[in-house]
């Protein structure tokens, strides 16, 4: 059985999908739609991960490491963040805003470093980091104010994502990653 509900919260589309396994146990899957990608997180004690793209289930796997899965999702988010800020820097520089561009280039590099730290952490813990194609960010931003409004919105999104990782670490009793992520 598969049901889906959607609700808008702070401009981010959240969707819950309920699935039943062969034993009849119901699992709740929470999606966060961001950058036109779907990030699945399974909330259950049975450690199933369901991979969904454009509302179609295309794979279910047993996993003993929900934390590794969520960290790999964060790798993608940090990669997108770096590309987003790089695109903003290019826009600012071509608009003659060199000081703004310099700040955004520095932010792009910082997000890239966050991504690399996550990759190395996953691999050092005997996991395997996954590098996927990064969605192309927008290239036009209207005005400096509009661009910085997008920066603020994106930073709030990433902060919420880190908070979700912390909660999963707590739920999974992964104190090492919980301490590391802070």
C-alpha atoms as a PDB file:
ATOM      1  CA  UNK A   1       0.000   0.000   0.000  1.00  0.00           C
ATOM      2  CA  UNK A   2       1.238   3.488  -0.791  1.00  0.00           C
ATOM      3  CA  UNK A   3      -0.297   6.776   0.278  1.00  0.00           C
ATOM      4  CA  UNK A   4       1.068  10.238  -0.129  1.00  0.00           C
ATOM      5  CA  UNK A   5       0.250  13.540   1.525  1.00  0.00           C
ATOM      6  CA  UNK A   6       1.807  16.905   0.810  1.00  0.00           C
ATOM      7  CA  UNK A   7       1.971  20.108   2.797  1.00  0.00           C
ATOM      8  CA  UNK A   8       3.844  23.367   2.275  1.00  0.00           C
ATOM      9  CA  UNK A   9       5.950  24.545   5.220  1.00  0.00           C
ATOM     10  CA  UNK A  10       8.138  27.653   5.005  1.00  0.00           C
ATOM     11  CA  UNK A  11       8.204  27.388   1.222  1.00  0.00           C
ATOM     12  CA  UNK A  12       9.657  23.860   1.237  1.00  0.00           C
ATOM     13  CA  UNK A  13       7.393  21.086  -0.003  1.00  0.00           C
ATOM     14  CA  UNK A  14       7.216  18.224   2.478  1.00  0.00           C
ATOM     15  CA  UNK A  15       5.673  14.916   1.508  1.00  0.00           C
ATOM     16  CA  UNK A  16       4.987  11.842   3.613  1.00  0.00           C
ATOM     17  CA  UNK A  17       4.668   8.424   2.053  1.00  0.00           C
ATOM     18  CA  UNK A  18       3.539   5.384   3.976  1.00  0.00           C
ATOM     19  CA  UNK A  19       4.596   1.933   2.816  1.00  0.00           C
ATOM     20  CA  UNK A  20       3.852  -1.521   4.159  1.00  0.00           C
ATOM     21  CA  UNK A  21       6.391  -4.327   4.087  1.00  0.00           C
ATOM     22  CA  UNK A  22       5.594  -8.038   3.665  1.00  0.00           C
ATOM     23  CA  UNK A  23       4.995  -8.455   7.409  1.00  0.00           C
ATOM     24  CA  UNK A  24       2.384  -5.701   7.380  1.00  0.00           C
ATOM     25  CA  UNK A  25       4.522  -3.184   9.288  1.00  0.00           C
ATOM     26  CA  UNK A  26       3.926   0.402   8.185  1.00  0.00           C
ATOM     27  CA  UNK A  27       6.924   2.605   7.497  1.00  0.00           C
ATOM     28  CA  UNK A  28       6.792   6.382   7.257  1.00  0.00           C
ATOM     29  CA  UNK A  29       8.989   8.035   4.657  1.00  0.00           C
ATOM     30  CA  UNK A  30       9.599  11.797   4.774  1.00  0.00           C
ATOM     31  CA  UNK A  31      10.701  13.686   1.664  1.00  0.00           C
ATOM     32  CA  UNK A  32      12.147  17.151   1.436  1.00  0.00           C
ATOM     33  CA  UNK A  33      11.910  18.649  -2.039  1.00  0.00           C
ATOM     34  CA  UNK A  34      14.821  20.979  -2.689  1.00  0.00           C
ATOM     35  CA  UNK A  35      16.594  21.993  -5.861  1.00  0.00           C
ATOM     36  CA  UNK A  36      14.044  19.853  -7.734  1.00  0.00           C
ATOM     37  CA  UNK A  37      15.436  16.685  -6.181  1.00  0.00           C
ATOM     38  CA  UNK A  38      13.750  14.380  -3.695  1.00  0.00           C
ATOM     39  CA  UNK A  39      15.680  13.499  -0.564  1.00  0.00           C
ATOM     40  CA  UNK A  40      14.271  10.385   1.095  1.00  0.00           C
ATOM     41  CA  UNK A  41      14.628   9.646   4.792  1.00  0.00           C
ATOM     42  CA  UNK A  42      12.990   6.590   6.306  1.00  0.00           C
ATOM     43  CA  UNK A  43      11.731   6.932   9.854  1.00  0.00           C
ATOM     44  CA  UNK A  44      11.590   3.388  11.202  1.00  0.00           C
ATOM     45  CA  UNK A  45      13.484   0.964  13.392  1.00  0.00           C
ATOM     46  CA  UNK A  46      13.764  -1.685  10.639  1.00  0.00           C
ATOM     47  CA  UNK A  47      16.414   0.153   8.623  1.00  0.00           C
ATOM     48  CA  UNK A  48      14.864   0.140   5.174  1.00  0.00           C
ATOM     49  CA  UNK A  49      15.865   2.818   2.711  1.00  0.00           C
ATOM     50  CA  UNK A  50      13.475   3.516  -0.135  1.00  0.00           C
ATOM     51  CA  UNK A  51      14.853   5.300  -3.170  1.00  0.00           C
ATOM     52  CA  UNK A  52      12.265   7.466  -4.876  1.00  0.00           C
ATOM     53  CA  UNK A  53      12.591   9.760  -7.858  1.00  0.00           C
ATOM     54  CA  UNK A  54       9.651  11.714  -9.306  1.00  0.00           C
ATOM     55  CA  UNK A  55       7.212   9.823  -7.070  1.00  0.00           C
ATOM     56  CA  UNK A  56       8.218   6.336  -8.338  1.00  0.00           C
ATOM     57  CA  UNK A  57       9.811   3.766  -6.056  1.00  0.00           C
ATOM     58  CA  UNK A  58      12.723   2.251  -7.953  1.00  0.00           C
ATOM     59  CA  UNK A  59      14.571   0.421  -5.226  1.00  0.00           C
ATOM     60  CA  UNK A  60      14.401  -0.666  -1.629  1.00  0.00           C
ATOM     61  CA  UNK A  61      17.455  -1.840   0.260  1.00  0.00           C
ATOM     62  CA  UNK A  62      18.247  -3.078   3.700  1.00  0.00           C
ATOM     63  CA  UNK A  63      20.763  -0.833   5.381  1.00  0.00           C
ATOM     64  CA  UNK A  64      22.486  -0.805   8.714  1.00  0.00           C
ATOM     65  CA  UNK A  65      23.591   2.778   8.373  1.00  0.00           C
ATOM     66  CA  UNK A  66      20.913   5.411   8.068  1.00  0.00           C
ATOM     67  CA  UNK A  67      23.501   7.970   9.196  1.00  0.00           C
ATOM     68  CA  UNK A  68      25.737   7.204   6.196  1.00  0.00           C
ATOM     69  CA  UNK A  69      22.758   7.593   3.869  1.00  0.00           C
ATOM     70  CA  UNK A  70      21.786  10.985   5.300  1.00  0.00           C
ATOM     71  CA  UNK A  71      25.404  12.183   5.204  1.00  0.00           C
ATOM     72  CA  UNK A  72      25.559  11.247   1.515  1.00  0.00           C
ATOM     73  CA  UNK A  73      22.430  13.325   0.922  1.00  0.00           C
ATOM     74  CA  UNK A  74      24.210  16.199   2.679  1.00  0.00           C
ATOM     75  CA  UNK A  75      27.230  15.767   0.365  1.00  0.00           C
ATOM     76  CA  UNK A  76      24.900  16.531  -2.533  1.00  0.00           C
ATOM     77  CA  UNK A  77      23.387  19.517  -0.739  1.00  0.00           C
ATOM     78  CA  UNK A  78      26.826  20.990   0.016  1.00  0.00           C
ATOM     79  CA  UNK A  79      27.878  20.468  -3.606  1.00  0.00           C
ATOM     80  CA  UNK A  80      24.782  22.287  -4.797  1.00  0.00           C
ATOM     81  CA  UNK A  81      25.419  25.069  -2.255  1.00  0.00           C
ATOM     82  CA  UNK A  82      28.923  25.568  -3.622  1.00  0.00           C
ATOM     83  CA  UNK A  83      27.622  25.744  -7.188  1.00  0.00           C
ATOM     84  CA  UNK A  84      24.813  28.105  -6.189  1.00  0.00           C
ATOM     85  CA  UNK A  85      27.206  30.555  -4.528  1.00  0.00           C
ATOM     86  CA  UNK A  86      29.636  30.267  -7.428  1.00  0.00           C
ATOM     87  CA  UNK A  87      26.814  31.124  -9.837  1.00  0.00           C
ATOM     88  CA  UNK A  88      25.859  34.079  -7.651  1.00  0.00           C
ATOM     89  CA  UNK A  89      29.499  35.229  -7.620  1.00  0.00           C
ATOM     90  CA  UNK A  90      29.648  35.122 -11.410  1.00  0.00           C
ATOM     91  CA  UNK A  91      26.422  37.124 -11.618  1.00  0.00           C
ATOM     92  CA  UNK A  92      27.686  39.716  -9.109  1.00  0.00           C
ATOM     93  CA  UNK A  93      31.059  40.042 -10.840  1.00  0.00           C
ATOM     94  CA  UNK A  94      29.470  40.574 -14.259  1.00  0.00           C
ATOM     95  CA  UNK A  95      27.181  43.190 -12.707  1.00  0.00           C
ATOM     96  CA  UNK A  96      30.259  45.127 -11.510  1.00  0.00           C
ATOM     97  CA  UNK A  97      29.844  44.143  -7.845  1.00  0.00           C
ATOM     98  CA  UNK A  98      33.372  42.924  -7.183  1.00  0.00           C
ATOM     99  CA  UNK A  99      33.171  43.085  -3.381  1.00  0.00           C
ATOM    100  CA  UNK A 100      29.966  41.030  -3.351  1.00  0.00           C
ATOM    101  CA  UNK A 101      31.515  38.618  -5.864  1.00  0.00           C
ATOM    102  CA  UNK A 102      34.612  38.133  -3.675  1.00  0.00           C
ATOM    103  CA  UNK A 103      32.418  37.305  -0.675  1.00  0.00           C
ATOM    104  CA  UNK A 104      30.365  34.823  -2.719  1.00  0.00           C
ATOM    105  CA  UNK A 105      33.491  33.156  -4.156  1.00  0.00           C
ATOM    106  CA  UNK A 106      34.647  32.633  -0.553  1.00  0.00           C
ATOM    107  CA  UNK A 107      31.231  31.156   0.362  1.00  0.00           C
ATOM    108  CA  UNK A 108      31.400  28.805  -2.639  1.00  0.00           C
ATOM    109  CA  UNK A 109      34.804  27.561  -1.494  1.00  0.00           C
ATOM    110  CA  UNK A 110      33.565  27.122   2.087  1.00  0.00           C
ATOM    111  CA  UNK A 111      30.627  24.979   0.918  1.00  0.00           C
ATOM    112  CA  UNK A 112      33.006  22.907  -1.218  1.00  0.00           C
ATOM    113  CA  UNK A 113      35.156  22.332   1.873  1.00  0.00           C
ATOM    114  CA  UNK A 114      32.067  21.225   3.827  1.00  0.00           C
ATOM    115  CA  UNK A 115      31.335  18.729   1.054  1.00  0.00           C
ATOM    116  CA  UNK A 116      34.896  17.387   1.106  1.00  0.00           C
ATOM    117  CA  UNK A 117      34.854  17.044   4.901  1.00  0.00           C
ATOM    118  CA  UNK A 118      31.677  14.985   4.667  1.00  0.00           C
ATOM    119  CA  UNK A 119      33.147  12.795   1.908  1.00  0.00           C
ATOM    120  CA  UNK A 120      36.303  12.109   3.916  1.00  0.00           C
ATOM    121  CA  UNK A 121      34.335  11.462   7.117  1.00  0.00           C
ATOM    122  CA  UNK A 122      32.051   8.935   5.410  1.00  0.00           C
ATOM    123  CA  UNK A 123      35.018   7.127   3.838  1.00  0.00           C
ATOM    124  CA  UNK A 124      37.102   7.155   7.030  1.00  0.00           C
ATOM    125  CA  UNK A 125      34.245   5.408   8.847  1.00  0.00           C
ATOM    126  CA  UNK A 126      34.378   2.524   6.345  1.00  0.00           C
ATOM    127  CA  UNK A 127      31.454   3.892   4.383  1.00  0.00           C
ATOM    128  CA  UNK A 128      31.402   5.028   0.793  1.00  0.00           C
ATOM    129  CA  UNK A 129      30.686   8.596  -0.171  1.00  0.00           C
ATOM    130  CA  UNK A 130      28.462   9.012  -3.207  1.00  0.00           C
ATOM    131  CA  UNK A 131      29.142  11.801  -5.657  1.00  0.00           C
ATOM    132  CA  UNK A 132      26.213  12.526  -7.938  1.00  0.00           C
ATOM    133  CA  UNK A 133      25.629  15.118 -10.622  1.00  0.00           C
ATOM    134  CA  UNK A 134      24.860  18.531  -9.177  1.00  0.00           C
ATOM    135  CA  UNK A 135      21.788  20.302 -10.504  1.00  0.00           C
ATOM    136  CA  UNK A 136      22.550  23.499 -12.383  1.00  0.00           C
ATOM    137  CA  UNK A 137      21.844  26.516 -10.169  1.00  0.00           C
ATOM    138  CA  UNK A 138      20.078  29.634 -11.415  1.00  0.00           C
ATOM    139  CA  UNK A 139      22.265  32.202 -13.135  1.00  0.00           C
ATOM    140  CA  UNK A 140      20.117  35.334 -12.899  1.00  0.00           C
ATOM    141  CA  UNK A 141      19.174  36.937  -9.606  1.00  0.00           C
ATOM    142  CA  UNK A 142      17.412  40.195 -10.448  1.00  0.00           C
ATOM    143  CA  UNK A 143      18.960  42.446  -7.818  1.00  0.00           C
ATOM    144  CA  UNK A 144      21.493  42.218  -5.005  1.00  0.00           C
ATOM    145  CA  UNK A 145      18.655  42.208  -2.469  1.00  0.00           C
ATOM    146  CA  UNK A 146      16.869  39.366  -4.264  1.00  0.00           C
ATOM    147  CA  UNK A 147      20.125  37.425  -4.415  1.00  0.00           C
ATOM    148  CA  UNK A 148      20.838  37.872  -0.700  1.00  0.00           C
ATOM    149  CA  UNK A 149      17.243  36.880   0.092  1.00  0.00           C
ATOM    150  CA  UNK A 150      18.016  33.621  -1.751  1.00  0.00           C
ATOM    151  CA  UNK A 151      21.268  33.254   0.215  1.00  0.00           C
ATOM    152  CA  UNK A 152      19.365  33.594   3.489  1.00  0.00           C
ATOM    153  CA  UNK A 153      16.664  31.145   2.377  1.00  0.00           C
ATOM    154  CA  UNK A 154      19.300  28.625   1.284  1.00  0.00           C
ATOM    155  CA  UNK A 155      21.282  28.945   4.519  1.00  0.00           C
ATOM    156  CA  UNK A 156      18.101  28.292   6.501  1.00  0.00           C
ATOM    157  CA  UNK A 157      17.453  25.198   4.387  1.00  0.00           C
ATOM    158  CA  UNK A 158      20.987  23.860   4.979  1.00  0.00           C
ATOM    159  CA  UNK A 159      20.747  24.587   8.711  1.00  0.00           C
ATOM    160  CA  UNK A 160      17.478  22.625   8.891  1.00  0.00           C
ATOM    161  CA  UNK A 161      19.187  19.787   7.040  1.00  0.00           C
ATOM    162  CA  UNK A 162      22.071  19.717   9.550  1.00  0.00           C
ATOM    163  CA  UNK A 163      19.548  19.743  12.402  1.00  0.00           C
ATOM    164  CA  UNK A 164      17.861  16.734  10.811  1.00  0.00           C
ATOM    165  CA  UNK A 165      21.214  14.917  10.661  1.00  0.00           C
ATOM    166  CA  UNK A 166      21.777  15.666  14.346  1.00  0.00           C
ATOM    167  CA  UNK A 167      18.353  14.227  15.203  1.00  0.00           C
ATOM    168  CA  UNK A 168      19.017  11.084  13.178  1.00  0.00           C
ATOM    169  CA  UNK A 169      22.381  10.688  14.941  1.00  0.00           C
ATOM    170  CA  UNK A 170      20.616  10.948  18.296  1.00  0.00           C
ATOM    171  CA  UNK A 171      17.912   8.472  17.230  1.00  0.00           C
ATOM    172  CA  UNK A 172      20.553   6.041  15.941  1.00  0.00           C
ATOM    173  CA  UNK A 173      22.821   6.494  18.999  1.00  0.00           C
ATOM    174  CA  UNK A 174      25.673   7.595  16.731  1.00  0.00           C
ATOM    175  CA  UNK A 175      27.444   9.825  19.244  1.00  0.00           C
ATOM    176  CA  UNK A 176      30.633  10.049  17.183  1.00  0.00           C
ATOM    177  CA  UNK A 177      28.890  11.581  14.168  1.00  0.00           C
ATOM    178  CA  UNK A 178      26.686  13.699  16.437  1.00  0.00           C
ATOM    179  CA  UNK A 179      29.792  15.252  18.002  1.00  0.00           C
ATOM    180  CA  UNK A 180      31.574  15.554  14.646  1.00  0.00           C
ATOM    181  CA  UNK A 181      28.705  17.299  12.854  1.00  0.00           C
ATOM    182  CA  UNK A 182      28.523  19.997  15.513  1.00  0.00           C
END
